[in-house]
Amino acid sequence: MKLDDNFRQIMEVIPDAALVVDRRGHIVFANRLLHEMFGYPPEALCGCSLERLVPPESHSRHDAAVAGFFAQMRHRPMGRGLQFRGLRADGETFPVAIMLSQAHLDGEDHAMAFVRDHTHQQAAEDRIRHELEQQRAMALTDPLTGLGNRRAFDLELNEELRELRNQGRQFAIGFIDLDDFKQVNDRFGHELGDRVLRELAQLIREACRSTDLVARIGGDEFATLHPNASQEDALQVLERVRLQFLEHLHDKDWPVTVSMGVCACDDPGTEYHQEAILAAADQAMYEAKQRGKNQIRLARLETRRAANA
């Protein structure tokens, strides 16, 4: 197919890489910028299938886009944008933005594609996305221990309540509080107090399952969330924490132990409320303190049947 010289000249001076394809998906013209973008010498792409510029895994999607463009050409507004990955001559793939427009050349319908390399834009978007993910993680992380914070715990607890209602999946939570922690700060200073918190955080994390969430929810208070676990399961985990902490303290002059409360939610037909669950676990923990510290107490949770149970 012979294109008008004026058309060729216009396509060569525009600031975008551009090409023209026929209904069969064959390239009938590609300007210098497009050849340079994809790493081909001048005129090398003319007569080639458009698939040469697309990774094999994208061929079907790309073919469907071209066929769809020609099928609806008369009813489609000018300048439809698409996002694809391009394939350079050396095998490198890169993100491209494509703007399609119709052209009637030499008595036949063609598609004109204006192509922009989005490598830098994609990198900028990835960088922004990574920064946002980091900010979100920081917003959910306790900076001293690296555990989740109160907000992270509340979000996960709300999700477990939803799973219990919808899927019948039981769970349990634990509250852990350091006994006599103020004495550590008063006698040894806040630097050692921070060390105690970090080491207890590590012990709790190691004692819990990989699916459990461990969070620091207050100054010397920690919480654990145990998905798909019974009260007995959580009790075993927390007893392991208690015993390992005692062993950890064996050669240290730290006047601390841990008191804990456990609360289980295991009935999909019961109307559980997040505030009530937290209050019950907290109350059980304080009962442990009142009964001599260094122990675990089970929560008594006041509940009622859900209306649709």
C-alpha atoms as a PDB file:
ATOM      1  CA  MET A   1       0.000   0.000   0.000  1.00  0.00           C
ATOM      2  CA  LYS A   2       1.380   3.415  -0.988  1.00  0.00           C
ATOM      3  CA  LEU A   3       0.704   6.217   1.465  1.00  0.00           C
ATOM      4  CA  ASP A   4       0.460   9.840   0.481  1.00  0.00           C
ATOM      5  CA  ASP A   5       3.771  11.672   0.923  1.00  0.00           C
ATOM      6  CA  ASN A   6       2.094  14.461   2.888  1.00  0.00           C
ATOM      7  CA  PHE A   7       0.672  11.887   5.295  1.00  0.00           C
ATOM      8  CA  ARG A   8       4.115  10.339   5.760  1.00  0.00           C
ATOM      9  CA  GLN A   9       5.690  13.718   6.402  1.00  0.00           C
ATOM     10  CA  ILE A  10       3.060  14.602   8.993  1.00  0.00           C
ATOM     11  CA  MET A  11       3.533  11.271  10.756  1.00  0.00           C
ATOM     12  CA  GLU A  12       7.299  11.833  10.870  1.00  0.00           C
ATOM     13  CA  VAL A  13       7.122  15.287  12.463  1.00  0.00           C
ATOM     14  CA  ILE A  14       4.554  14.543  15.178  1.00  0.00           C
ATOM     15  CA  PRO A  15       6.099  14.220  18.680  1.00  0.00           C
ATOM     16  CA  ASP A  16       4.777  10.674  19.282  1.00  0.00           C
ATOM     17  CA  ALA A  17       5.777   7.261  18.057  1.00  0.00           C
ATOM     18  CA  ALA A  18       3.060   6.248  15.608  1.00  0.00           C
ATOM     19  CA  LEU A  19       2.043   3.452  13.290  1.00  0.00           C
ATOM     20  CA  VAL A  20      -0.785   2.497  10.953  1.00  0.00           C
ATOM     21  CA  VAL A  21      -2.241  -1.023  10.805  1.00  0.00           C
ATOM     22  CA  ASP A  22      -4.773  -2.651   8.507  1.00  0.00           C
ATOM     23  CA  ARG A  23      -7.653  -4.930   9.461  1.00  0.00           C
ATOM     24  CA  ARG A  24      -5.381  -7.977   9.429  1.00  0.00           C
ATOM     25  CA  GLY A  25      -3.169  -6.420  12.077  1.00  0.00           C
ATOM     26  CA  HIS A  26      -0.294  -5.761   9.679  1.00  0.00           C
ATOM     27  CA  ILE A  27       1.818  -2.641   9.989  1.00  0.00           C
ATOM     28  CA  VAL A  28       1.566  -0.546   6.820  1.00  0.00           C
ATOM     29  CA  PHE A  29       3.535   2.381   8.217  1.00  0.00           C
ATOM     30  CA  ALA A  30       5.604   3.166  11.319  1.00  0.00           C
ATOM     31  CA  ASN A  31       7.413   6.425  11.865  1.00  0.00           C
ATOM     32  CA  ARG A  32      11.034   6.885  12.915  1.00  0.00           C
ATOM     33  CA  LEU A  33      10.183   7.438  16.589  1.00  0.00           C
ATOM     34  CA  LEU A  34       8.317   4.148  16.779  1.00  0.00           C
ATOM     35  CA  HIS A  35      11.211   2.240  15.212  1.00  0.00           C
ATOM     36  CA  GLU A  36      13.589   3.860  17.715  1.00  0.00           C
ATOM     37  CA  MET A  37      11.288   3.142  20.659  1.00  0.00           C
ATOM     38  CA  PHE A  38      11.139  -0.567  19.831  1.00  0.00           C
ATOM     39  CA  GLY A  39      14.787  -0.831  18.745  1.00  0.00           C
ATOM     40  CA  TYR A  40      14.360  -1.516  15.016  1.00  0.00           C
ATOM     41  CA  PRO A  41      16.150   0.081  12.069  1.00  0.00           C
ATOM     42  CA  PRO A  42      14.072   2.392   9.824  1.00  0.00           C
ATOM     43  CA  GLU A  43      11.386   0.698   7.728  1.00  0.00           C
ATOM     44  CA  ALA A  44      12.074  -2.698   9.346  1.00  0.00           C
ATOM     45  CA  LEU A  45       8.533  -3.029  10.716  1.00  0.00           C
ATOM     46  CA  CYS A  46       6.546  -2.210   7.599  1.00  0.00           C
ATOM     47  CA  GLY A  47       4.624  -5.293   6.461  1.00  0.00           C
ATOM     48  CA  CYS A  48       5.157  -7.104   9.768  1.00  0.00           C
ATOM     49  CA  SER A  49       2.418  -8.333  12.049  1.00  0.00           C
ATOM     50  CA  LEU A  50       1.637  -6.032  14.948  1.00  0.00           C
ATOM     51  CA  GLU A  51       2.254  -9.032  17.220  1.00  0.00           C
ATOM     52  CA  ARG A  52       5.987  -8.497  16.755  1.00  0.00           C
ATOM     53  CA  LEU A  53       5.678  -5.541  19.133  1.00  0.00           C
ATOM     54  CA  VAL A  54       3.703  -7.420  21.796  1.00  0.00           C
ATOM     55  CA  PRO A  55       4.871 -10.161  24.239  1.00  0.00           C
ATOM     56  CA  PRO A  56       3.417 -13.610  23.369  1.00  0.00           C
ATOM     57  CA  GLU A  57       1.370 -13.765  26.577  1.00  0.00           C
ATOM     58  CA  SER A  58      -0.466 -10.592  25.486  1.00  0.00           C
ATOM     59  CA  HIS A  59      -1.237 -11.639  21.907  1.00  0.00           C
ATOM     60  CA  SER A  60      -4.811 -12.767  22.526  1.00  0.00           C
ATOM     61  CA  ARG A  61      -5.733  -9.635  24.473  1.00  0.00           C
ATOM     62  CA  HIS A  62      -4.049  -7.418  21.901  1.00  0.00           C
ATOM     63  CA  ASP A  63      -5.716  -9.192  18.956  1.00  0.00           C
ATOM     64  CA  ALA A  64      -9.095  -8.809  20.638  1.00  0.00           C
ATOM     65  CA  ALA A  65      -8.485  -5.091  21.148  1.00  0.00           C
ATOM     66  CA  VAL A  66      -7.594  -4.571  17.475  1.00  0.00           C
ATOM     67  CA  ALA A  67     -10.558  -6.636  16.261  1.00  0.00           C
ATOM     68  CA  GLY A  68     -12.873  -4.779  18.609  1.00  0.00           C
ATOM     69  CA  PHE A  69     -11.606  -1.440  17.366  1.00  0.00           C
ATOM     70  CA  PHE A  70     -12.331  -2.273  13.727  1.00  0.00           C
ATOM     71  CA  ALA A  71     -15.701  -3.856  14.554  1.00  0.00           C
ATOM     72  CA  GLN A  72     -16.906  -0.689  16.274  1.00  0.00           C
ATOM     73  CA  MET A  73     -14.915   1.876  14.331  1.00  0.00           C
ATOM     74  CA  ARG A  74     -17.976   3.739  13.025  1.00  0.00           C
ATOM     75  CA  HIS A  75     -19.533   4.023  16.466  1.00  0.00           C
ATOM     76  CA  ARG A  76     -16.416   4.696  18.506  1.00  0.00           C
ATOM     77  CA  PRO A  77     -15.294   8.202  19.507  1.00  0.00           C
ATOM     78  CA  MET A  78     -11.837   9.229  18.377  1.00  0.00           C
ATOM     79  CA  GLY A  79      -8.847   8.649  20.593  1.00  0.00           C
ATOM     80  CA  ARG A  80      -9.472   5.477  22.562  1.00  0.00           C
ATOM     81  CA  GLY A  81      -6.710   4.835  25.122  1.00  0.00           C
ATOM     82  CA  LEU A  82      -5.234   1.419  25.955  1.00  0.00           C
ATOM     83  CA  GLN A  83      -2.493   0.141  28.236  1.00  0.00           C
ATOM     84  CA  PHE A  84      -0.215  -2.676  27.059  1.00  0.00           C
ATOM     85  CA  ARG A  85       3.290  -3.999  27.439  1.00  0.00           C
ATOM     86  CA  GLY A  86       5.478  -3.535  24.404  1.00  0.00           C
ATOM     87  CA  LEU A  87       8.215  -5.902  23.216  1.00  0.00           C
ATOM     88  CA  ARG A  88      11.482  -4.394  22.003  1.00  0.00           C
ATOM     89  CA  ALA A  89      13.708  -6.003  19.394  1.00  0.00           C
ATOM     90  CA  ASP A  90      16.112  -7.156  22.122  1.00  0.00           C
ATOM     91  CA  GLY A  91      13.323  -8.959  24.010  1.00  0.00           C
ATOM     92  CA  GLU A  92      12.845  -6.335  26.731  1.00  0.00           C
ATOM     93  CA  THR A  93       9.242  -5.578  27.660  1.00  0.00           C
ATOM     94  CA  PHE A  94       8.072  -2.159  28.798  1.00  0.00           C
ATOM     95  CA  PRO A  95       4.764  -0.409  29.569  1.00  0.00           C
ATOM     96  CA  VAL A  96       3.160   1.613  26.780  1.00  0.00           C
ATOM     97  CA  ALA A  97       0.079   3.787  26.483  1.00  0.00           C
ATOM     98  CA  ILE A  98      -1.665   3.559  23.112  1.00  0.00           C
ATOM     99  CA  MET A  99      -4.151   6.016  21.650  1.00  0.00           C
ATOM    100  CA  LEU A 100      -6.141   4.561  18.740  1.00  0.00           C
ATOM    101  CA  SER A 101      -7.798   6.611  16.029  1.00  0.00           C
ATOM    102  CA  GLN A 102      -9.420   5.636  12.764  1.00  0.00           C
ATOM    103  CA  ALA A 103      -8.034   6.496   9.353  1.00  0.00           C
ATOM    104  CA  HIS A 104      -9.489   5.946   5.881  1.00  0.00           C
ATOM    105  CA  LEU A 105      -6.508   5.460   3.595  1.00  0.00           C
ATOM    106  CA  ASP A 106      -6.402   4.310  -0.015  1.00  0.00           C
ATOM    107  CA  GLY A 107     -10.094   3.398   0.162  1.00  0.00           C
ATOM    108  CA  GLU A 108      -9.735   1.152   3.228  1.00  0.00           C
ATOM    109  CA  ASP A 109     -10.224   1.507   6.962  1.00  0.00           C
ATOM    110  CA  HIS A 110      -7.077   1.539   9.058  1.00  0.00           C
ATOM    111  CA  ALA A 111      -6.181   2.142  12.672  1.00  0.00           C
ATOM    112  CA  MET A 112      -3.639   4.749  13.670  1.00  0.00           C
ATOM    113  CA  ALA A 113      -1.878   4.078  16.956  1.00  0.00           C
ATOM    114  CA  PHE A 114       0.047   6.740  18.836  1.00  0.00           C
ATOM    115  CA  VAL A 115       2.374   5.062  21.330  1.00  0.00           C
ATOM    116  CA  ARG A 116       4.052   6.475  24.415  1.00  0.00           C
ATOM    117  CA  ASP A 117       6.686   4.773  26.552  1.00  0.00           C
ATOM    118  CA  HIS A 118       5.338   4.746  30.107  1.00  0.00           C
ATOM    119  CA  THR A 119       8.457   3.276  31.716  1.00  0.00           C
ATOM    120  CA  HIS A 120       9.193   6.398  33.736  1.00  0.00           C
ATOM    121  CA  GLN A 121       5.538   6.951  34.570  1.00  0.00           C
ATOM    122  CA  GLN A 122       5.202   3.318  35.649  1.00  0.00           C
ATOM    123  CA  ALA A 123       8.306   3.653  37.807  1.00  0.00           C
ATOM    124  CA  ALA A 124       6.894   6.805  39.387  1.00  0.00           C
ATOM    125  CA  GLU A 125       3.550   5.092  40.020  1.00  0.00           C
ATOM    126  CA  ASP A 126       5.317   2.078  41.533  1.00  0.00           C
ATOM    127  CA  ARG A 127       7.358   4.379  43.753  1.00  0.00           C
ATOM    128  CA  ILE A 128       4.249   6.217  44.937  1.00  0.00           C
ATOM    129  CA  ARG A 129       2.440   2.913  45.537  1.00  0.00           C
ATOM    130  CA  HIS A 130       5.401   1.614  47.551  1.00  0.00           C
ATOM    131  CA  GLU A 131       5.511   4.803  49.616  1.00  0.00           C
ATOM    132  CA  LEU A 132       1.781   4.570  50.307  1.00  0.00           C
ATOM    133  CA  GLU A 133       2.159   0.931  51.350  1.00  0.00           C
ATOM    134  CA  GLN A 134       5.015   1.904  53.656  1.00  0.00           C
ATOM    135  CA  GLN A 135       2.950   4.707  55.170  1.00  0.00           C
ATOM    136  CA  ARG A 136       0.038   2.325  55.717  1.00  0.00           C
ATOM    137  CA  ALA A 137       2.334  -0.236  57.335  1.00  0.00           C
ATOM    138  CA  MET A 138       3.808   2.449  59.588  1.00  0.00           C
ATOM    139  CA  ALA A 139       0.311   3.566  60.570  1.00  0.00           C
ATOM    140  CA  LEU A 140      -0.419  -0.005  61.715  1.00  0.00           C
ATOM    141  CA  THR A 141       2.930  -0.731  63.395  1.00  0.00           C
ATOM    142  CA  ASP A 142       4.188  -0.071  66.906  1.00  0.00           C
ATOM    143  CA  PRO A 143       7.567   1.637  66.395  1.00  0.00           C
ATOM    144  CA  LEU A 144       9.188   0.265  69.573  1.00  0.00           C
ATOM    145  CA  THR A 145       8.485  -3.446  69.087  1.00  0.00           C
ATOM    146  CA  GLY A 146       7.672  -3.753  65.388  1.00  0.00           C
ATOM    147  CA  LEU A 147       4.381  -5.445  66.300  1.00  0.00           C
ATOM    148  CA  GLY A 148       0.996  -4.312  65.109  1.00  0.00           C
ATOM    149  CA  ASN A 149      -0.511  -1.426  67.040  1.00  0.00           C
ATOM    150  CA  ARG A 150      -3.986  -0.938  68.520  1.00  0.00           C
ATOM    151  CA  ARG A 151      -5.437   0.132  65.191  1.00  0.00           C
ATOM    152  CA  ALA A 152      -4.072  -2.972  63.457  1.00  0.00           C
ATOM    153  CA  PHE A 153      -5.518  -5.177  66.184  1.00  0.00           C
ATOM    154  CA  ASP A 154      -8.950  -3.532  65.994  1.00  0.00           C
ATOM    155  CA  LEU A 155      -9.046  -3.936  62.206  1.00  0.00           C
ATOM    156  CA  GLU A 156      -8.167  -7.635  62.386  1.00  0.00           C
ATOM    157  CA  LEU A 157     -10.614  -8.265  65.212  1.00  0.00           C
ATOM    158  CA  ASN A 158     -13.389  -6.704  63.157  1.00  0.00           C
ATOM    159  CA  GLU A 159     -12.423  -8.969  60.245  1.00  0.00           C
ATOM    160  CA  GLU A 160     -12.526 -12.061  62.477  1.00  0.00           C
ATOM    161  CA  LEU A 161     -16.005 -11.104  63.695  1.00  0.00           C
ATOM    162  CA  ARG A 162     -17.112 -10.908  60.076  1.00  0.00           C
ATOM    163  CA  GLU A 163     -15.596 -14.340  59.352  1.00  0.00           C
ATOM    164  CA  LEU A 164     -17.386 -15.799  62.378  1.00  0.00           C
ATOM    165  CA  ARG A 165     -20.748 -14.404  61.255  1.00  0.00           C
ATOM    166  CA  ASN A 166     -20.362 -15.356  57.593  1.00  0.00           C
ATOM    167  CA  GLN A 167     -18.260 -18.536  57.690  1.00  0.00           C
ATOM    168  CA  GLY A 168     -18.685 -19.803  61.249  1.00  0.00           C
ATOM    169  CA  ARG A 169     -14.935 -19.577  61.906  1.00  0.00           C
ATOM    170  CA  GLN A 170     -14.187 -19.358  65.624  1.00  0.00           C
ATOM    171  CA  PHE A 171     -11.395 -17.283  67.113  1.00  0.00           C
ATOM    172  CA  ALA A 172      -9.959 -16.199  70.446  1.00  0.00           C
ATOM    173  CA  ILE A 173      -8.079 -13.196  71.749  1.00  0.00           C
ATOM    174  CA  GLY A 174      -5.613 -12.754  74.576  1.00  0.00           C
ATOM    175  CA  PHE A 175      -4.669  -9.712  76.637  1.00  0.00           C
ATOM    176  CA  ILE A 176      -1.194  -9.646  78.196  1.00  0.00           C
ATOM    177  CA  ASP A 177      -0.002  -7.122  80.770  1.00  0.00           C
ATOM    178  CA  LEU A 178       3.359  -6.821  82.482  1.00  0.00           C
ATOM    179  CA  ASP A 179       3.090  -7.040  86.256  1.00  0.00           C
ATOM    180  CA  ASP A 180       4.995  -4.381  88.217  1.00  0.00           C
ATOM    181  CA  PHE A 181       6.462  -2.866  85.072  1.00  0.00           C
ATOM    182  CA  LYS A 182       6.629   0.546  86.748  1.00  0.00           C
ATOM    183  CA  GLN A 183       9.281  -0.836  89.090  1.00  0.00           C
ATOM    184  CA  VAL A 184      11.511  -1.595  86.109  1.00  0.00           C
ATOM    185  CA  ASN A 185      11.303   1.979  84.881  1.00  0.00           C
ATOM    186  CA  ASP A 186      11.746   3.397  88.381  1.00  0.00           C
ATOM    187  CA  ARG A 187      14.712   1.193  89.355  1.00  0.00           C
ATOM    188  CA  PHE A 188      16.512   0.706  86.047  1.00  0.00           C
ATOM    189  CA  GLY A 189      15.298   3.529  83.804  1.00  0.00           C
ATOM    190  CA  HIS A 190      13.203   3.698  80.665  1.00  0.00           C
ATOM    191  CA  GLU A 191      15.950   2.312  78.443  1.00  0.00           C
ATOM    192  CA  LEU A 192      15.775  -1.038  80.207  1.00  0.00           C
ATOM    193  CA  GLY A 193      11.983  -0.745  80.283  1.00  0.00           C
ATOM    194  CA  ASP A 194      11.976  -0.506  76.496  1.00  0.00           C
ATOM    195  CA  ARG A 195      14.273  -3.529  76.310  1.00  0.00           C
ATOM    196  CA  VAL A 196      11.858  -5.554  78.452  1.00  0.00           C
ATOM    197  CA  LEU A 197       8.976  -4.607  76.148  1.00  0.00           C
ATOM    198  CA  ARG A 198      10.924  -5.561  73.027  1.00  0.00           C
ATOM    199  CA  GLU A 199      12.037  -8.906  74.452  1.00  0.00           C
ATOM    200  CA  LEU A 200       8.535  -9.781  75.634  1.00  0.00           C
ATOM    201  CA  ALA A 201       7.187  -8.829  72.211  1.00  0.00           C
ATOM    202  CA  GLN A 202       9.672 -11.216  70.597  1.00  0.00           C
ATOM    203  CA  LEU A 203       8.740 -14.031  73.002  1.00  0.00           C
ATOM    204  CA  ILE A 204       5.038 -13.608  72.277  1.00  0.00           C
ATOM    205  CA  ARG A 205       5.648 -13.559  68.538  1.00  0.00           C
ATOM    206  CA  GLU A 206       7.728 -16.742  68.702  1.00  0.00           C
ATOM    207  CA  ALA A 207       5.169 -18.552  70.874  1.00  0.00           C
ATOM    208  CA  CYS A 208       2.244 -17.745  68.593  1.00  0.00           C
ATOM    209  CA  ARG A 209       1.336 -19.431  65.331  1.00  0.00           C
ATOM    210  CA  SER A 210       2.251 -17.774  62.046  1.00  0.00           C
ATOM    211  CA  THR A 211      -1.446 -17.051  61.473  1.00  0.00           C
ATOM    212  CA  ASP A 212      -1.857 -15.248  64.814  1.00  0.00           C
ATOM    213  CA  LEU A 213      -1.640 -11.487  65.187  1.00  0.00           C
ATOM    214  CA  VAL A 214       0.421  -9.985  67.998  1.00  0.00           C
ATOM    215  CA  ALA A 215      -0.011  -6.300  68.823  1.00  0.00           C
ATOM    216  CA  ARG A 216       1.157  -3.812  71.402  1.00  0.00           C
ATOM    217  CA  ILE A 217      -2.004  -1.949  72.331  1.00  0.00           C
ATOM    218  CA  GLY A 218      -0.748   0.198  75.213  1.00  0.00           C
ATOM    219  CA  GLY A 219       2.314   1.092  77.249  1.00  0.00           C
ATOM    220  CA  ASP A 220       2.915  -2.358  78.746  1.00  0.00           C
ATOM    221  CA  GLU A 221      -0.126  -4.125  77.284  1.00  0.00           C
ATOM    222  CA  PHE A 222      -0.114  -6.615  74.431  1.00  0.00           C
ATOM    223  CA  ALA A 223      -2.910  -8.442  72.646  1.00  0.00           C
ATOM    224  CA  THR A 224      -3.017 -11.606  70.575  1.00  0.00           C
ATOM    225  CA  LEU A 225      -5.598 -12.658  68.007  1.00  0.00           C
ATOM    226  CA  HIS A 226      -5.904 -16.356  67.183  1.00  0.00           C
ATOM    227  CA  PRO A 227      -7.973 -17.098  64.042  1.00  0.00           C
ATOM    228  CA  ASN A 228      -9.638 -20.486  63.760  1.00  0.00           C
ATOM    229  CA  ALA A 229      -8.707 -21.271  67.365  1.00  0.00           C
ATOM    230  CA  SER A 230     -10.658 -22.357  70.427  1.00  0.00           C
ATOM    231  CA  GLN A 231     -10.332 -20.984  73.934  1.00  0.00           C
ATOM    232  CA  GLU A 232      -8.162 -23.977  74.804  1.00  0.00           C
ATOM    233  CA  ASP A 233      -5.901 -23.343  71.795  1.00  0.00           C
ATOM    234  CA  ALA A 234      -5.328 -19.738  72.852  1.00  0.00           C
ATOM    235  CA  LEU A 235      -4.830 -20.786  76.465  1.00  0.00           C
ATOM    236  CA  GLN A 236      -2.046 -23.170  75.450  1.00  0.00           C
ATOM    237  CA  VAL A 237      -0.298 -20.447  73.445  1.00  0.00           C
ATOM    238  CA  LEU A 238      -0.460 -17.918  76.271  1.00  0.00           C
ATOM    239  CA  GLU A 239       0.672 -20.441  78.872  1.00  0.00           C
ATOM    240  CA  ARG A 240       3.684 -21.075  76.653  1.00  0.00           C
ATOM    241  CA  VAL A 241       4.335 -17.312  76.620  1.00  0.00           C
ATOM    242  CA  ARG A 242       4.079 -17.141  80.418  1.00  0.00           C
ATOM    243  CA  LEU A 243       6.462 -20.037  81.023  1.00  0.00           C
ATOM    244  CA  GLN A 244       8.994 -18.881  78.426  1.00  0.00           C
ATOM    245  CA  PHE A 245       8.992 -15.388  79.916  1.00  0.00           C
ATOM    246  CA  LEU A 246       9.689 -16.825  83.373  1.00  0.00           C
ATOM    247  CA  GLU A 247      12.566 -18.831  81.933  1.00  0.00           C
ATOM    248  CA  HIS A 248      13.813 -15.716  80.162  1.00  0.00           C
ATOM    249  CA  LEU A 249      13.838 -13.855  83.496  1.00  0.00           C
ATOM    250  CA  HIS A 250      15.793 -16.593  85.289  1.00  0.00           C
ATOM    251  CA  ASP A 251      19.183 -14.833  85.203  1.00  0.00           C
ATOM    252  CA  LYS A 252      17.832 -11.278  85.198  1.00  0.00           C
ATOM    253  CA  ASP A 253      17.003  -9.004  88.096  1.00  0.00           C
ATOM    254  CA  TRP A 254      13.759  -7.802  86.538  1.00  0.00           C
ATOM    255  CA  PRO A 255      10.827  -7.689  89.015  1.00  0.00           C
ATOM    256  CA  VAL A 256       8.196  -8.509  86.399  1.00  0.00           C
ATOM    257  CA  THR A 257       5.864 -11.305  85.358  1.00  0.00           C
ATOM    258  CA  VAL A 258       2.842 -11.361  83.044  1.00  0.00           C
ATOM    259  CA  SER A 259      -0.881 -11.571  83.743  1.00  0.00           C
ATOM    260  CA  MET A 260      -3.227 -12.581  80.945  1.00  0.00           C
ATOM    261  CA  GLY A 261      -6.880 -12.838  79.996  1.00  0.00           C
ATOM    262  CA  VAL A 262      -8.402 -15.011  77.272  1.00  0.00           C
ATOM    263  CA  CYS A 263     -11.728 -14.508  75.512  1.00  0.00           C
ATOM    264  CA  ALA A 264     -13.147 -16.907  72.900  1.00  0.00           C
ATOM    265  CA  CYS A 265     -15.841 -16.317  70.280  1.00  0.00           C
ATOM    266  CA  ASP A 266     -17.096 -19.556  68.777  1.00  0.00           C
ATOM    267  CA  ASP A 267     -20.851 -19.305  68.112  1.00  0.00           C
ATOM    268  CA  PRO A 268     -21.932 -17.829  64.737  1.00  0.00           C
ATOM    269  CA  GLY A 269     -25.437 -17.374  66.132  1.00  0.00           C
ATOM    270  CA  THR A 270     -24.305 -15.149  68.972  1.00  0.00           C
ATOM    271  CA  GLU A 271     -24.275 -11.381  68.613  1.00  0.00           C
ATOM    272  CA  TYR A 272     -20.722 -10.470  69.587  1.00  0.00           C
ATOM    273  CA  HIS A 273     -19.640  -6.852  69.899  1.00  0.00           C
ATOM    274  CA  GLN A 274     -16.037  -5.777  69.559  1.00  0.00           C
ATOM    275  CA  GLU A 275     -16.138  -3.494  72.597  1.00  0.00           C
ATOM    276  CA  ALA A 276     -17.599  -6.250  74.784  1.00  0.00           C
ATOM    277  CA  ILE A 277     -14.965  -8.770  73.667  1.00  0.00           C
ATOM    278  CA  LEU A 278     -12.129  -6.375  74.452  1.00  0.00           C
ATOM    279  CA  ALA A 279     -13.652  -5.447  77.808  1.00  0.00           C
ATOM    280  CA  ALA A 280     -14.083  -9.123  78.750  1.00  0.00           C
ATOM    281  CA  ALA A 281     -10.477  -9.996  77.918  1.00  0.00           C
ATOM    282  CA  ASP A 282      -9.279  -6.912  79.776  1.00  0.00           C
ATOM    283  CA  GLN A 283     -11.354  -7.792  82.842  1.00  0.00           C
ATOM    284  CA  ALA A 284     -10.018 -11.362  82.838  1.00  0.00           C
ATOM    285  CA  MET A 285      -6.485  -9.990  82.734  1.00  0.00           C
ATOM    286  CA  TYR A 286      -7.127  -7.772  85.754  1.00  0.00           C
ATOM    287  CA  GLU A 287      -8.636 -10.713  87.613  1.00  0.00           C
ATOM    288  CA  ALA A 288      -5.342 -12.515  87.035  1.00  0.00           C
ATOM    289  CA  LYS A 289      -3.539  -9.581  88.635  1.00  0.00           C
ATOM    290  CA  GLN A 290      -5.928  -9.465  91.577  1.00  0.00           C
ATOM    291  CA  ARG A 291      -5.515 -13.205  92.206  1.00  0.00           C
ATOM    292  CA  GLY A 292      -1.749 -12.969  92.558  1.00  0.00           C
ATOM    293  CA  LYS A 293      -0.378 -12.114  89.077  1.00  0.00           C
ATOM    294  CA  ASN A 294       1.706 -14.381  86.826  1.00  0.00           C
ATOM    295  CA  GLN A 295      -1.345 -16.353  85.659  1.00  0.00           C
ATOM    296  CA  ILE A 296      -4.103 -16.580  83.053  1.00  0.00           C
ATOM    297  CA  ARG A 297      -7.828 -16.123  83.596  1.00  0.00           C
ATOM    298  CA  LEU A 298     -10.674 -16.964  81.223  1.00  0.00           C
ATOM    299  CA  ALA A 299     -13.167 -14.260  80.302  1.00  0.00           C
ATOM    300  CA  ARG A 300     -16.880 -14.420  81.035  1.00  0.00           C
ATOM    301  CA  LEU A 301     -18.477 -12.812  78.010  1.00  0.00           C
ATOM    302  CA  GLU A 302     -22.044 -11.559  78.265  1.00  0.00           C
ATOM    303  CA  THR A 303     -23.758 -12.266  74.928  1.00  0.00           C
ATOM    304  CA  ARG A 304     -27.167 -12.701  73.378  1.00  0.00           C
ATOM    305  CA  ARG A 305     -28.423 -14.591  70.355  1.00  0.00           C
ATOM    306  CA  ALA A 306     -28.437 -12.696  67.086  1.00  0.00           C
ATOM    307  CA  ALA A 307     -31.872 -11.700  65.807  1.00  0.00           C
ATOM    308  CA  ASN A 308     -31.574 -13.876  62.683  1.00  0.00           C
ATOM    309  CA  ALA A 309     -30.021 -16.873  64.450  1.00  0.00           C
END
